[in-house]
C-alpha atoms as a PDB file:
ATOM      1  CA  ALA A   1      70.993  73.705 -19.394  1.00  0.00           C
ATOM      2  CA  GLU A   2      72.568  77.183 -19.598  1.00  0.00           C
ATOM      3  CA  GLY A   3      76.161  76.011 -18.667  1.00  0.00           C
ATOM      4  CA  GLU A   4      79.005  76.424 -21.030  1.00  0.00           C
ATOM      5  CA  GLY A   5      81.812  74.097 -22.176  1.00  0.00           C
ATOM      6  CA  PRO A   6      81.841  70.239 -21.661  1.00  0.00           C
ATOM      7  CA  ALA A   7      80.046  70.288 -18.307  1.00  0.00           C
ATOM      8  CA  GLY A   8      77.165  72.455 -19.723  1.00  0.00           C
ATOM      9  CA  GLU A   9      76.970  70.063 -22.755  1.00  0.00           C
ATOM     10  CA  ARG A  10      76.782  66.973 -20.456  1.00  0.00           C
ATOM     11  CA  VAL A  11      74.114  68.704 -18.397  1.00  0.00           C
ATOM     12  CA  ALA A  12      72.100  69.609 -21.536  1.00  0.00           C
ATOM     13  CA  ALA A  13      72.396  66.034 -22.883  1.00  0.00           C
ATOM     14  CA  ALA A  14      71.330  64.455 -19.569  1.00  0.00           C
ATOM     15  CA  LEU A  15      68.345  66.651 -19.316  1.00  0.00           C
ATOM     16  CA  SER A  16      67.408  65.911 -22.841  1.00  0.00           C
ATOM     17  CA  ALA A  17      67.942  62.053 -22.420  1.00  0.00           C
ATOM     18  CA  PHE A  18      65.933  62.004 -19.269  1.00  0.00           C
ATOM     19  CA  ARG A  19      63.094  64.082 -20.748  1.00  0.00           C
ATOM     20  CA  LEU A  20      63.569  67.077 -18.484  1.00  0.00           C
ATOM     21  CA  THR A  21      64.292  69.867 -20.637  1.00  0.00           C
ATOM     22  CA  ASP A  22      60.936  71.292 -20.507  1.00  0.00           C
ATOM     23  CA  LEU A  23      61.087  71.241 -16.617  1.00  0.00           C
ATOM     24  CA  VAL A  24      64.386  73.101 -16.318  1.00  0.00           C
ATOM     25  CA  ARG A  25      62.875  76.319 -14.923  1.00  0.00           C
ATOM     26  CA  ARG A  26      60.362  74.473 -12.456  1.00  0.00           C
ATOM     27  CA  ASN A  27      61.115  74.430  -8.726  1.00  0.00           C
ATOM     28  CA  PRO A  28      62.345  70.812  -7.930  1.00  0.00           C
ATOM     29  CA  HIS A  29      59.748  70.707  -5.051  1.00  0.00           C
ATOM     30  CA  SER A  30      57.080  71.030  -7.582  1.00  0.00           C
ATOM     31  CA  LEU A  31      58.151  67.871  -9.570  1.00  0.00           C
ATOM     32  CA  SER A  32      56.322  64.534  -9.316  1.00  0.00           C
ATOM     33  CA  GLY A  33      58.011  61.610  -7.564  1.00  0.00           C
ATOM     34  CA  GLY A  34      58.973  60.140 -10.868  1.00  0.00           C
ATOM     35  CA  GLU A  35      60.233  63.312 -12.291  1.00  0.00           C
ATOM     36  CA  LYS A  36      62.398  63.864  -9.139  1.00  0.00           C
ATOM     37  CA  ARG A  37      63.801  60.348  -9.568  1.00  0.00           C
ATOM     38  CA  ARG A  38      64.651  60.986 -13.224  1.00  0.00           C
ATOM     39  CA  LEU A  39      66.284  64.287 -12.291  1.00  0.00           C
ATOM     40  CA  GLY A  40      68.444  62.630  -9.561  1.00  0.00           C
ATOM     41  CA  LEU A  41      69.536  59.946 -12.087  1.00  0.00           C
ATOM     42  CA  ALA A  42      70.255  62.568 -14.720  1.00  0.00           C
ATOM     43  CA  ALA A  43      72.370  64.517 -12.256  1.00  0.00           C
ATOM     44  CA  LEU A  44      74.220  61.248 -11.583  1.00  0.00           C
ATOM     45  CA  SER A  45      74.779  60.556 -15.250  1.00  0.00           C
ATOM     46  CA  VAL A  46      76.583  63.818 -15.606  1.00  0.00           C
ATOM     47  CA  LEU A  47      79.264  62.787 -13.129  1.00  0.00           C
ATOM     48  CA  ASP A  48      82.150  60.692 -14.474  1.00  0.00           C
ATOM     49  CA  CYS A  49      82.030  58.342 -11.501  1.00  0.00           C
ATOM     50  CA  PRO A  50      83.058  54.735 -11.697  1.00  0.00           C
ATOM     51  CA  LEU A  51      80.403  53.388  -9.281  1.00  0.00           C
ATOM     52  CA  LEU A  52      76.698  53.944  -8.889  1.00  0.00           C
ATOM     53  CA  ILE A  53      74.796  52.556  -5.928  1.00  0.00           C
ATOM     54  CA  LEU A  54      71.092  52.815  -6.407  1.00  0.00           C
ATOM     55  CA  ASP A  55      68.505  51.975  -3.645  1.00  0.00           C
ATOM     56  CA  GLU A  56      65.220  51.037  -5.329  1.00  0.00           C
ATOM     57  CA  ALA A  57      65.906  53.115  -8.342  1.00  0.00           C
ATOM     58  CA  GLU A  58      62.467  51.949  -9.761  1.00  0.00           C
ATOM     59  CA  LEU A  59      60.490  53.700  -7.051  1.00  0.00           C
ATOM     60  CA  HIS A  60      57.864  56.252  -8.308  1.00  0.00           C
ATOM     61  CA  LEU A  61      58.357  55.259 -11.970  1.00  0.00           C
ATOM     62  CA  ASP A  62      55.697  53.820 -14.225  1.00  0.00           C
ATOM     63  CA  GLU A  63      56.739  50.859 -16.399  1.00  0.00           C
ATOM     64  CA  PRO A  64      57.613  53.003 -19.500  1.00  0.00           C
ATOM     65  CA  SER A  65      59.783  55.219 -17.418  1.00  0.00           C
ATOM     66  CA  TRP A  66      61.489  52.319 -15.742  1.00  0.00           C
ATOM     67  CA  ARG A  67      62.331  50.684 -19.136  1.00  0.00           C
ATOM     68  CA  GLU A  68      63.750  53.991 -20.159  1.00  0.00           C
ATOM     69  CA  LEU A  69      65.821  54.226 -17.043  1.00  0.00           C
ATOM     70  CA  ARG A  70      67.172  50.694 -17.566  1.00  0.00           C
ATOM     71  CA  GLU A  71      68.324  51.764 -21.065  1.00  0.00           C
ATOM     72  CA  HIS A  72      70.008  54.729 -19.648  1.00  0.00           C
ATOM     73  CA  LEU A  73      71.801  52.657 -16.908  1.00  0.00           C
ATOM     74  CA  ASP A  74      72.767  50.050 -19.562  1.00  0.00           C
ATOM     75  CA  ALA A  75      74.361  52.865 -21.737  1.00  0.00           C
ATOM     76  CA  TRP A  76      76.147  54.290 -18.699  1.00  0.00           C
ATOM     77  CA  LEU A  77      77.604  51.095 -17.721  1.00  0.00           C
ATOM     78  CA  ALA A  78      78.736  50.190 -21.346  1.00  0.00           C
ATOM     79  CA  ALA A  79      79.916  53.745 -22.106  1.00  0.00           C
ATOM     80  CA  ALA A  80      83.243  53.293 -20.247  1.00  0.00           C
ATOM     81  CA  SER A  81      83.761  49.564 -21.118  1.00  0.00           C
ATOM     82  CA  ALA A  82      84.803  47.865 -17.916  1.00  0.00           C
ATOM     83  CA  GLU A  83      85.685  50.878 -15.833  1.00  0.00           C
ATOM     84  CA  ARG A  84      82.308  51.299 -14.125  1.00  0.00           C
ATOM     85  CA  GLY A  85      80.139  49.162 -11.859  1.00  0.00           C
ATOM     86  CA  LEU A  86      76.482  49.289 -10.621  1.00  0.00           C
ATOM     87  CA  LEU A  87      75.126  47.942  -7.393  1.00  0.00           C
ATOM     88  CA  GLU A  88      71.293  47.908  -7.293  1.00  0.00           C
ATOM     89  CA  ILE A  89      69.408  47.442  -4.087  1.00  0.00           C
ATOM     90  CA  THR A  90      65.837  46.325  -4.566  1.00  0.00           C
ATOM     91  CA  ARG A  91      62.941  44.160  -3.531  1.00  0.00           C
ATOM     92  CA  ARG A  92      61.692  43.520  -7.204  1.00  0.00           C
ATOM     93  CA  PRO A  93      64.135  41.163  -9.079  1.00  0.00           C
ATOM     94  CA  GLU A  94      61.603  40.809 -11.911  1.00  0.00           C
ATOM     95  CA  ARG A  95      62.315  44.431 -12.880  1.00  0.00           C
ATOM     96  CA  LEU A  96      66.158  44.057 -13.095  1.00  0.00           C
ATOM     97  CA  PRO A  97      67.083  41.753 -15.957  1.00  0.00           C
ATOM     98  CA  GLY A  98      70.646  41.757 -16.979  1.00  0.00           C
ATOM     99  CA  ALA A  99      72.469  41.608 -13.556  1.00  0.00           C
ATOM    100  CA  ASP A 100      75.751  39.834 -13.470  1.00  0.00           C
ATOM    101  CA  GLY A 101      75.334  38.703  -9.891  1.00  0.00           C
ATOM    102  CA  LEU A 102      72.719  38.453  -7.274  1.00  0.00           C
ATOM    103  CA  LEU A 103      72.980  38.563  -3.506  1.00  0.00           C
ATOM    104  CA  VAL A 104      69.927  37.602  -1.429  1.00  0.00           C
ATOM    105  CA  LEU A 105      69.484  38.975   2.029  1.00  0.00           C
ATOM    106  CA  HIS A 106      66.981  37.804   4.671  1.00  0.00           C
ATOM    107  CA  GLU A 107      66.617  39.044   8.202  1.00  0.00           C
ATOM    108  CA  GLY A 108      70.075  40.663   7.898  1.00  0.00           C
ATOM    109  CA  ARG A 109      71.944  37.691   6.694  1.00  0.00           C
ATOM    110  CA  LEU A 110      73.378  36.725   3.329  1.00  0.00           C
ATOM    111  CA  LEU A 111      71.349  33.653   2.133  1.00  0.00           C
ATOM    112  CA  ALA A 112      72.964  33.039  -1.254  1.00  0.00           C
ATOM    113  CA  ALA A 113      75.249  34.756  -3.894  1.00  0.00           C
ATOM    114  CA  GLY A 114      76.068  33.893  -7.413  1.00  0.00           C
ATOM    115  CA  ALA A 115      74.658  33.977 -10.908  1.00  0.00           C
ATOM    116  CA  PRO A 116      71.236  35.658 -10.787  1.00  0.00           C
ATOM    117  CA  ARG A 117      68.915  32.859 -12.012  1.00  0.00           C
ATOM    118  CA  GLU A 118      70.671  30.066 -10.214  1.00  0.00           C
ATOM    119  CA  THR A 119      70.790  32.059  -7.050  1.00  0.00           C
ATOM    120  CA  TYR A 120      67.103  33.047  -7.319  1.00  0.00           C
ATOM    121  CA  GLU A 121      66.059  29.444  -7.894  1.00  0.00           C
ATOM    122  CA  LYS A 122      68.073  28.208  -4.943  1.00  0.00           C
ATOM    123  CA  VAL A 123      66.507  30.540  -2.629  1.00  0.00           C
ATOM    124  CA  ALA A 124      63.013  30.185  -4.156  1.00  0.00           C
ATOM    125  CA  GLY A 125      63.369  26.451  -3.624  1.00  0.00           C
ATOM    126  CA  ALA A 126      64.085  27.073   0.108  1.00  0.00           C
ATOM    127  CA  GLY A 127      60.542  28.418   0.319  1.00  0.00           C
ATOM    128  CA  LEU A 128      61.143  32.079   0.841  1.00  0.00           C
ATOM    129  CA  PRO A 129      58.599  34.416  -0.354  1.00  0.00           C
ATOM    130  CA  LEU A 130      59.940  35.997  -3.628  1.00  0.00           C
ATOM    131  CA  PRO A 131      58.227  37.768  -6.356  1.00  0.00           C
ATOM    132  CA  ARG A 132      57.962  35.838  -9.718  1.00  0.00           C
ATOM    133  CA  VAL A 133      60.405  36.346 -12.471  1.00  0.00           C
ATOM    134  CA  PRO A 134      58.325  35.095 -15.376  1.00  0.00           C
ATOM    135  CA  GLU A 135      61.106  35.231 -18.025  1.00  0.00           C
ATOM    136  CA  TRP A 136      63.135  32.792 -15.876  1.00  0.00           C
ATOM    137  CA  GLU A 137      60.120  30.472 -15.199  1.00  0.00           C
ATOM    138  CA  GLU A 138      59.265  30.167 -18.893  1.00  0.00           C
ATOM    139  CA  ALA A 139      62.811  29.831 -20.224  1.00  0.00           C
ATOM    140  CA  SER A 140      64.756  26.666 -20.862  1.00  0.00           C
ATOM    141  CA  PRO A 141      66.622  24.991 -17.851  1.00  0.00           C
ATOM    142  CA  THR A 142      69.139  27.154 -16.068  1.00  0.00           C
ATOM    143  CA  PRO A 143      72.431  27.355 -17.891  1.00  0.00           C
ATOM    144  CA  SER A 144      75.399  26.528 -15.576  1.00  0.00           C
ATOM    145  CA  ALA A 145      77.117  29.745 -14.486  1.00  0.00           C
ATOM    146  CA  ALA A 146      80.236  30.302 -12.363  1.00  0.00           C
ATOM    147  CA  PRO A 147      79.711  31.631  -8.862  1.00  0.00           C
ATOM    148  CA  LEU A 148      80.798  35.107  -8.179  1.00  0.00           C
ATOM    149  CA  ALA A 149      84.566  35.047  -8.159  1.00  0.00           C
ATOM    150  CA  PRO A 150      86.972  37.479  -6.482  1.00  0.00           C
ATOM    151  CA  ALA A 151      87.291  40.408  -8.836  1.00  0.00           C
ATOM    152  CA  ALA A 152      90.623  41.205 -10.493  1.00  0.00           C
ATOM    153  CA  SER A 153      89.935  44.866 -10.422  1.00  0.00           C
ATOM    154  CA  SER A 154      87.320  45.902  -7.810  1.00  0.00           C
ATOM    155  CA  LEU A 155      85.457  49.094  -7.680  1.00  0.00           C
ATOM    156  CA  LEU A 156      83.871  48.304  -4.389  1.00  0.00           C
ATOM    157  CA  ARG A 157      84.966  45.839  -1.567  1.00  0.00           C
ATOM    158  CA  ALA A 158      83.376  45.527   1.844  1.00  0.00           C
ATOM    159  CA  ARG A 159      84.126  42.997   4.445  1.00  0.00           C
ATOM    160  CA  GLY A 160      82.028  42.363   7.601  1.00  0.00           C
ATOM    161  CA  LEU A 161      79.529  45.073   6.780  1.00  0.00           C
ATOM    162  CA  GLY A 162      76.899  45.617   9.409  1.00  0.00           C
ATOM    163  CA  LEU A 163      73.989  47.957   9.865  1.00  0.00           C
ATOM    164  CA  ASP A 164      71.691  48.311  12.966  1.00  0.00           C
ATOM    165  CA  ARG A 165      68.291  49.835  13.270  1.00  0.00           C
ATOM    166  CA  PRO A 166      68.031  53.022  15.487  1.00  0.00           C
ATOM    167  CA  ASP A 167      66.782  50.780  18.457  1.00  0.00           C
ATOM    168  CA  GLY A 168      69.966  48.678  18.246  1.00  0.00           C
ATOM    169  CA  ARG A 169      68.492  45.652  16.522  1.00  0.00           C
ATOM    170  CA  PRO A 170      70.858  44.473  13.763  1.00  0.00           C
ATOM    171  CA  LEU A 171      69.537  44.964  10.180  1.00  0.00           C
ATOM    172  CA  LEU A 172      72.514  43.511   8.398  1.00  0.00           C
ATOM    173  CA  ALA A 173      75.434  41.548   9.906  1.00  0.00           C
ATOM    174  CA  ASP A 174      78.739  40.364   8.490  1.00  0.00           C
ATOM    175  CA  LEU A 175      78.086  40.930   4.720  1.00  0.00           C
ATOM    176  CA  ASP A 176      81.110  40.607   2.418  1.00  0.00           C
ATOM    177  CA  LEU A 177      80.536  42.258  -0.995  1.00  0.00           C
ATOM    178  CA  GLU A 178      82.777  42.815  -3.976  1.00  0.00           C
ATOM    179  CA  LEU A 179      81.920  44.693  -7.178  1.00  0.00           C
ATOM    180  CA  ALA A 180      84.145  44.290 -10.157  1.00  0.00           C
ATOM    181  CA  GLU A 181      84.620  46.762 -12.977  1.00  0.00           C
ATOM    182  CA  GLY A 182      81.979  46.499 -15.594  1.00  0.00           C
ATOM    183  CA  GLU A 183      79.656  44.424 -13.362  1.00  0.00           C
ATOM    184  CA  ARG A 184      76.008  45.002 -12.451  1.00  0.00           C
ATOM    185  CA  LEU A 185      75.270  43.412  -9.117  1.00  0.00           C
ATOM    186  CA  LEU A 186      71.785  43.249  -7.668  1.00  0.00           C
ATOM    187  CA  LEU A 187      71.269  43.145  -3.796  1.00  0.00           C
ATOM    188  CA  LEU A 188      67.719  41.706  -3.206  1.00  0.00           C
ATOM    189  CA  GLY A 189      66.294  41.625   0.392  1.00  0.00           C
ATOM    190  CA  ASP A 190      63.505  42.405   2.722  1.00  0.00           C
ATOM    191  CA  ASN A 191      62.237  46.036   3.025  1.00  0.00           C
ATOM    192  CA  GLY A 192      63.038  47.856   6.229  1.00  0.00           C
END
């Protein structure tokens, strides 16, 4: 918070926005899990990057802190109009309203992709164990939505993405992924 010029101003604003100003002089190792998570996200918010990839950003946050984080992410995504994108990896779709697209992975394979509610209902109808999303269950019937289309201006494009566990067993295989400017994409899958 002691920096000068535009960078110092951005740091001070991020510390304030994430309620970290009083913790500035503390050793980061002494922070709680939620405070460390907020500090990491505050640091990312200072950068003027076009893409954030967050892996279980809700971890270690209580419900009020999670709502506050969602507001910060919404503001970050909207601040630059359509020049930013957000890819969120989670096991908890009920905590991530507002996604533009949903990809559902199971046992390393892409099961479904498209508009969040339609994709969730398709996968839930197949009998996979998914957490409830009460606002989708109580709402009117699913409005029709277009499937995810190729992006005119992509921030991230991956083809044939794969990942193996340390013992060589595949964790992810042949995933194609594209994230357009201004888009929030949710990647939902098994843990581990």
